[in-house]
Amino acid sequence: MNNLKPESIVTLLKYLDMDFMSDEQYDNICDLNINDQEHQLQVIRAVIVPGYNELNERDQQSMKKVLEMCLQERVSLNGIFVSISMPFESEIKNKRGFFQNIYEELFGNES
């Protein structure tokens, strides 16, 4: 994963895509409100964390760097979610906050 850029985060976000997740994962998260903090954490724990854990060590390190990029204010997050068909009624309103929650679930408060 050379030439990392914020758009590379789709490698991790693909686990939220309805076409990619298992029926069990879909059933566990489809009724959750992605903009509710506690529901968002449930989604991250149910889908993103297991997907991340399937990546090899090099890709995990790359995803950490990409997440860190996405957390920077100067980085535009427009268009990142366009190719992902998520099973939620609404889109994620606070994308940077969502990435912060993913980062904290995967890495705690380390930076």
N, C-alpha and C. Protein backbone atom coordinates (compact mmCIF):
# COMPACT_ATOMS: atom_id res chain seq x y z
N MET A 1 0.82 -1.19 0.00
CA MET A 1 0.00 0.00 0.00
C MET A 1 0.87 1.26 0.00
N ASN A 2 1.69 1.39 -1.01
CA ASN A 2 2.48 2.59 -1.14
C ASN A 2 1.59 3.72 -1.64
N ASN A 3 2.10 4.94 -1.59
CA ASN A 3 1.34 6.10 -2.03
C ASN A 3 0.02 6.21 -1.27
N LEU A 4 0.11 6.14 0.03
CA LEU A 4 -1.09 6.21 0.85
C LEU A 4 -1.74 7.58 0.72
N LYS A 5 -3.06 7.57 0.67
CA LYS A 5 -3.84 8.80 0.62
C LYS A 5 -5.13 8.53 1.37
N PRO A 6 -5.85 9.57 1.78
CA PRO A 6 -7.07 9.36 2.57
C PRO A 6 -8.06 8.40 1.90
N GLU A 7 -8.14 8.41 0.57
CA GLU A 7 -9.08 7.54 -0.13
C GLU A 7 -8.76 6.05 0.08
N SER A 8 -7.54 5.76 0.51
CA SER A 8 -7.15 4.37 0.76
C SER A 8 -7.94 3.76 1.92
N ILE A 9 -8.65 4.60 2.67
CA ILE A 9 -9.44 4.12 3.81
C ILE A 9 -10.56 3.18 3.35
N VAL A 10 -10.91 3.20 2.06
CA VAL A 10 -11.95 2.28 1.59
C VAL A 10 -11.56 0.82 1.79
N THR A 11 -10.25 0.55 1.91
CA THR A 11 -9.81 -0.80 2.24
C THR A 11 -10.42 -1.25 3.55
N LEU A 12 -10.58 -0.34 4.49
CA LEU A 12 -11.18 -0.65 5.79
C LEU A 12 -12.70 -0.47 5.75
N LEU A 13 -13.16 0.54 5.04
CA LEU A 13 -14.60 0.82 4.99
C LEU A 13 -15.38 -0.22 4.20
N LYS A 14 -14.70 -0.98 3.36
CA LYS A 14 -15.41 -2.00 2.57
C LYS A 14 -16.14 -2.99 3.46
N TYR A 15 -15.68 -3.14 4.70
CA TYR A 15 -16.35 -4.06 5.63
C TYR A 15 -17.74 -3.56 6.02
N LEU A 16 -18.03 -2.29 5.73
CA LEU A 16 -19.36 -1.72 5.98
C LEU A 16 -20.28 -1.86 4.76
N ASP A 17 -19.73 -2.31 3.65
CA ASP A 17 -20.51 -2.44 2.42
C ASP A 17 -21.43 -3.64 2.52
N MET A 18 -22.70 -3.43 2.19
CA MET A 18 -23.70 -4.51 2.28
C MET A 18 -23.32 -5.70 1.40
N ASP A 19 -22.66 -5.45 0.30
CA ASP A 19 -22.27 -6.54 -0.60
C ASP A 19 -21.08 -7.34 -0.06
N PHE A 20 -20.39 -6.78 0.91
CA PHE A 20 -19.19 -7.42 1.43
C PHE A 20 -19.42 -8.13 2.76
N MET A 21 -20.37 -7.63 3.56
CA MET A 21 -20.56 -8.21 4.89
C MET A 21 -21.40 -9.48 4.84
N SER A 22 -21.24 -10.27 5.88
CA SER A 22 -22.02 -11.51 5.99
C SER A 22 -23.46 -11.18 6.38
N ASP A 23 -24.36 -12.13 6.17
CA ASP A 23 -25.75 -11.94 6.58
C ASP A 23 -25.85 -11.69 8.08
N GLU A 24 -25.03 -12.39 8.84
CA GLU A 24 -25.04 -12.22 10.30
C GLU A 24 -24.61 -10.81 10.69
N GLN A 25 -23.55 -10.31 10.06
CA GLN A 25 -23.10 -8.95 10.33
C GLN A 25 -24.19 -7.94 9.96
N TYR A 26 -24.78 -8.15 8.80
CA TYR A 26 -25.86 -7.26 8.35
C TYR A 26 -26.98 -7.24 9.37
N ASP A 27 -27.42 -8.41 9.80
CA ASP A 27 -28.52 -8.50 10.78
C ASP A 27 -28.16 -7.81 12.09
N ASN A 28 -26.89 -7.86 12.47
CA ASN A 28 -26.45 -7.25 13.73
C ASN A 28 -26.42 -5.73 13.69
N ILE A 29 -26.24 -5.15 12.51
CA ILE A 29 -26.05 -3.70 12.47
C ILE A 29 -27.09 -2.93 11.66
N CYS A 30 -27.92 -3.60 10.86
CA CYS A 30 -28.78 -2.87 9.92
C CYS A 30 -29.80 -1.95 10.60
N ASP A 31 -30.21 -2.26 11.82
CA ASP A 31 -31.20 -1.43 12.50
C ASP A 31 -30.58 -0.36 13.38
N LEU A 32 -29.26 -0.26 13.39
CA LEU A 32 -28.59 0.72 14.25
C LEU A 32 -28.54 2.09 13.57
N ASN A 33 -28.50 3.12 14.39
CA ASN A 33 -28.37 4.50 13.90
C ASN A 33 -26.89 4.84 13.87
N ILE A 34 -26.32 4.92 12.70
CA ILE A 34 -24.89 5.15 12.54
C ILE A 34 -24.44 6.48 13.11
N ASN A 35 -25.37 7.40 13.36
CA ASN A 35 -25.01 8.70 13.92
C ASN A 35 -25.17 8.77 15.44
N ASP A 36 -25.60 7.68 16.04
CA ASP A 36 -25.66 7.57 17.49
C ASP A 36 -24.32 7.01 17.97
N GLN A 37 -23.69 7.68 18.91
CA GLN A 37 -22.35 7.30 19.36
C GLN A 37 -22.25 5.83 19.76
N GLU A 38 -23.15 5.36 20.59
CA GLU A 38 -23.09 3.98 21.07
C GLU A 38 -23.36 2.98 19.94
N HIS A 39 -24.30 3.30 19.07
CA HIS A 39 -24.57 2.43 17.93
C HIS A 39 -23.36 2.39 16.99
N GLN A 40 -22.74 3.54 16.82
CA GLN A 40 -21.57 3.62 15.94
C GLN A 40 -20.45 2.71 16.47
N LEU A 41 -20.25 2.73 17.77
CA LEU A 41 -19.22 1.87 18.37
C LEU A 41 -19.58 0.40 18.19
N GLN A 42 -20.86 0.07 18.28
CA GLN A 42 -21.29 -1.32 18.05
C GLN A 42 -20.98 -1.75 16.62
N VAL A 43 -21.23 -0.86 15.67
CA VAL A 43 -20.95 -1.16 14.26
C VAL A 43 -19.45 -1.37 14.06
N ILE A 44 -18.65 -0.49 14.62
CA ILE A 44 -17.20 -0.59 14.48
C ILE A 44 -16.70 -1.90 15.07
N ARG A 45 -17.20 -2.25 16.25
CA ARG A 45 -16.76 -3.50 16.90
C ARG A 45 -17.24 -4.73 16.16
N ALA A 46 -18.41 -4.66 15.55
CA ALA A 46 -18.99 -5.84 14.88
C ALA A 46 -18.42 -6.07 13.49
N VAL A 47 -18.02 -5.00 12.80
CA VAL A 47 -17.65 -5.14 11.40
C VAL A 47 -16.22 -4.66 11.09
N ILE A 48 -15.88 -3.46 11.54
CA ILE A 48 -14.58 -2.88 11.19
C ILE A 48 -13.43 -3.60 11.91
N VAL A 49 -13.56 -3.80 13.21
CA VAL A 49 -12.47 -4.43 13.98
C VAL A 49 -12.15 -5.83 13.46
N PRO A 50 -13.16 -6.70 13.26
CA PRO A 50 -12.83 -8.03 12.71
C PRO A 50 -12.20 -7.96 11.32
N GLY A 51 -12.66 -7.03 10.50
CA GLY A 51 -12.08 -6.87 9.17
C GLY A 51 -10.63 -6.43 9.24
N TYR A 52 -10.37 -5.47 10.11
CA TYR A 52 -9.00 -4.99 10.30
C TYR A 52 -8.10 -6.14 10.77
N ASN A 53 -8.60 -6.95 11.68
CA ASN A 53 -7.81 -8.05 12.22
C ASN A 53 -7.48 -9.12 11.18
N GLU A 54 -8.24 -9.15 10.08
CA GLU A 54 -7.95 -10.09 8.98
C GLU A 54 -6.81 -9.60 8.10
N LEU A 55 -6.50 -8.31 8.15
CA LEU A 55 -5.43 -7.75 7.32
C LEU A 55 -4.07 -8.23 7.82
N ASN A 56 -3.11 -8.31 6.91
CA ASN A 56 -1.76 -8.65 7.36
C ASN A 56 -1.14 -7.45 8.07
N GLU A 57 -0.01 -7.68 8.73
CA GLU A 57 0.59 -6.63 9.56
C GLU A 57 0.94 -5.38 8.76
N ARG A 58 1.43 -5.55 7.57
CA ARG A 58 1.80 -4.41 6.73
C ARG A 58 0.57 -3.56 6.39
N ASP A 59 -0.52 -4.24 6.01
CA ASP A 59 -1.74 -3.52 5.68
C ASP A 59 -2.35 -2.86 6.92
N GLN A 60 -2.22 -3.51 8.07
CA GLN A 60 -2.69 -2.90 9.32
C GLN A 60 -1.93 -1.61 9.61
N GLN A 61 -0.62 -1.63 9.42
CA GLN A 61 0.18 -0.42 9.63
C GLN A 61 -0.22 0.67 8.64
N SER A 62 -0.48 0.28 7.41
CA SER A 62 -0.91 1.25 6.40
C SER A 62 -2.26 1.86 6.77
N MET A 63 -3.19 1.02 7.23
CA MET A 63 -4.51 1.52 7.62
C MET A 63 -4.41 2.48 8.79
N LYS A 64 -3.51 2.23 9.71
CA LYS A 64 -3.30 3.15 10.84
C LYS A 64 -2.84 4.51 10.31
N LYS A 65 -1.90 4.50 9.38
CA LYS A 65 -1.41 5.76 8.81
C LYS A 65 -2.52 6.48 8.05
N VAL A 66 -3.31 5.73 7.31
CA VAL A 66 -4.41 6.34 6.55
C VAL A 66 -5.46 6.93 7.51
N LEU A 67 -5.79 6.21 8.57
CA LEU A 67 -6.72 6.75 9.57
C LEU A 67 -6.18 8.04 10.17
N GLU A 68 -4.89 8.05 10.47
CA GLU A 68 -4.27 9.27 11.01
C GLU A 68 -4.39 10.43 10.02
N MET A 69 -4.25 10.14 8.73
CA MET A 69 -4.45 11.17 7.70
C MET A 69 -5.88 11.69 7.73
N CYS A 70 -6.84 10.77 7.83
CA CYS A 70 -8.25 11.14 7.81
C CYS A 70 -8.66 11.97 9.02
N LEU A 71 -7.89 11.88 10.08
CA LEU A 71 -8.21 12.64 11.29
C LEU A 71 -7.70 14.07 11.23
N GLN A 72 -6.87 14.39 10.25
CA GLN A 72 -6.34 15.75 10.14
C GLN A 72 -7.39 16.67 9.53
N GLU A 73 -7.56 17.82 10.12
CA GLU A 73 -8.58 18.78 9.68
C GLU A 73 -8.39 19.23 8.24
N ARG A 74 -7.15 19.34 7.80
CA ARG A 74 -6.89 19.86 6.45
C ARG A 74 -7.19 18.85 5.36
N VAL A 75 -7.48 17.61 5.72
CA VAL A 75 -7.75 16.56 4.74
C VAL A 75 -9.24 16.51 4.43
N SER A 76 -9.57 16.57 3.15
CA SER A 76 -10.97 16.49 2.73
C SER A 76 -11.44 15.05 2.76
N LEU A 77 -12.61 14.83 3.31
CA LEU A 77 -13.19 13.49 3.37
C LEU A 77 -14.31 13.33 2.35
N ASN A 78 -14.51 14.34 1.51
CA ASN A 78 -15.55 14.28 0.49
C ASN A 78 -15.26 13.14 -0.48
N GLY A 79 -16.27 12.39 -0.79
CA GLY A 79 -16.15 11.34 -1.78
C GLY A 79 -15.65 10.01 -1.25
N ILE A 80 -15.17 9.96 -0.02
CA ILE A 80 -14.61 8.71 0.50
C ILE A 80 -15.68 7.63 0.63
N PHE A 81 -16.89 8.01 1.01
CA PHE A 81 -17.94 7.02 1.26
C PHE A 81 -18.81 6.74 0.03
N VAL A 82 -18.54 7.40 -1.07
CA VAL A 82 -19.39 7.31 -2.25
C VAL A 82 -19.55 5.88 -2.76
N SER A 83 -18.48 5.11 -2.75
CA SER A 83 -18.53 3.77 -3.33
C SER A 83 -18.96 2.69 -2.35
N ILE A 84 -19.32 3.08 -1.12
CA ILE A 84 -19.71 2.11 -0.09
C ILE A 84 -21.22 2.14 0.10
N SER A 85 -21.87 0.98 -0.07
CA SER A 85 -23.32 0.86 0.15
C SER A 85 -23.56 0.36 1.57
N MET A 86 -23.76 1.30 2.48
CA MET A 86 -23.94 0.94 3.88
C MET A 86 -25.41 0.68 4.19
N PRO A 87 -25.70 -0.19 5.16
CA PRO A 87 -27.07 -0.60 5.44
C PRO A 87 -27.81 0.32 6.42
N PHE A 88 -27.48 1.59 6.44
CA PHE A 88 -28.09 2.50 7.40
C PHE A 88 -29.04 3.46 6.70
N GLU A 89 -30.03 3.93 7.44
CA GLU A 89 -31.02 4.83 6.86
C GLU A 89 -30.44 6.18 6.47
N SER A 90 -29.42 6.62 7.20
CA SER A 90 -28.82 7.92 6.88
C SER A 90 -27.31 7.76 6.72
N GLU A 91 -26.72 8.75 6.09
CA GLU A 91 -25.28 8.72 5.92
C GLU A 91 -24.60 9.19 7.20
N ILE A 92 -23.33 8.93 7.31
CA ILE A 92 -22.57 9.34 8.49
C ILE A 92 -22.41 10.86 8.43
N LYS A 93 -22.90 11.54 9.45
CA LYS A 93 -22.85 13.01 9.46
C LYS A 93 -21.47 13.53 9.85
N ASN A 94 -20.89 12.97 10.91
CA ASN A 94 -19.58 13.43 11.37
C ASN A 94 -18.54 12.38 10.98
N LYS A 95 -18.05 12.49 9.77
CA LYS A 95 -17.12 11.49 9.24
C LYS A 95 -15.81 11.46 10.02
N ARG A 96 -15.30 12.62 10.37
CA ARG A 96 -14.03 12.67 11.12
C ARG A 96 -14.22 12.04 12.51
N GLY A 97 -15.37 12.29 13.13
CA GLY A 97 -15.67 11.66 14.41
C GLY A 97 -15.78 10.15 14.29
N PHE A 98 -16.35 9.69 13.17
CA PHE A 98 -16.44 8.26 12.90
C PHE A 98 -15.05 7.65 12.79
N PHE A 99 -14.16 8.32 12.06
CA PHE A 99 -12.79 7.82 11.94
C PHE A 99 -12.07 7.85 13.28
N GLN A 100 -12.37 8.86 14.10
CA GLN A 100 -11.77 8.93 15.43
C GLN A 100 -12.22 7.72 16.27
N ASN A 101 -13.49 7.38 16.18
CA ASN A 101 -14.00 6.22 16.91
C ASN A 101 -13.36 4.93 16.42
N ILE A 102 -13.18 4.80 15.11
CA ILE A 102 -12.50 3.61 14.57
C ILE A 102 -11.08 3.55 15.13
N TYR A 103 -10.39 4.68 15.08
CA TYR A 103 -9.00 4.72 15.55
C TYR A 103 -8.91 4.30 17.01
N GLU A 104 -9.80 4.84 17.83
CA GLU A 104 -9.77 4.52 19.26
C GLU A 104 -10.10 3.06 19.53
N GLU A 105 -11.02 2.49 18.74
CA GLU A 105 -11.36 1.07 18.92
C GLU A 105 -10.19 0.17 18.50
N LEU A 106 -9.47 0.56 17.47
CA LEU A 106 -8.37 -0.27 16.98
C LEU A 106 -7.07 -0.08 17.76
N PHE A 107 -6.81 1.15 18.17
CA PHE A 107 -5.49 1.46 18.73
C PHE A 107 -5.54 2.10 20.11
N GLY A 108 -6.71 2.26 20.69
CA GLY A 108 -6.80 2.95 21.98
C GLY A 108 -6.44 4.41 21.78
N ASN A 109 -5.73 4.98 22.71
CA ASN A 109 -5.36 6.38 22.61
C ASN A 109 -3.93 6.58 22.11
N GLU A 110 -3.30 5.51 21.64
CA GLU A 110 -1.92 5.67 21.12
C GLU A 110 -1.95 6.50 19.85
N SER A 111 -0.83 7.10 19.54
CA SER A 111 -0.76 7.88 18.29
C SER A 111 0.57 7.72 17.64
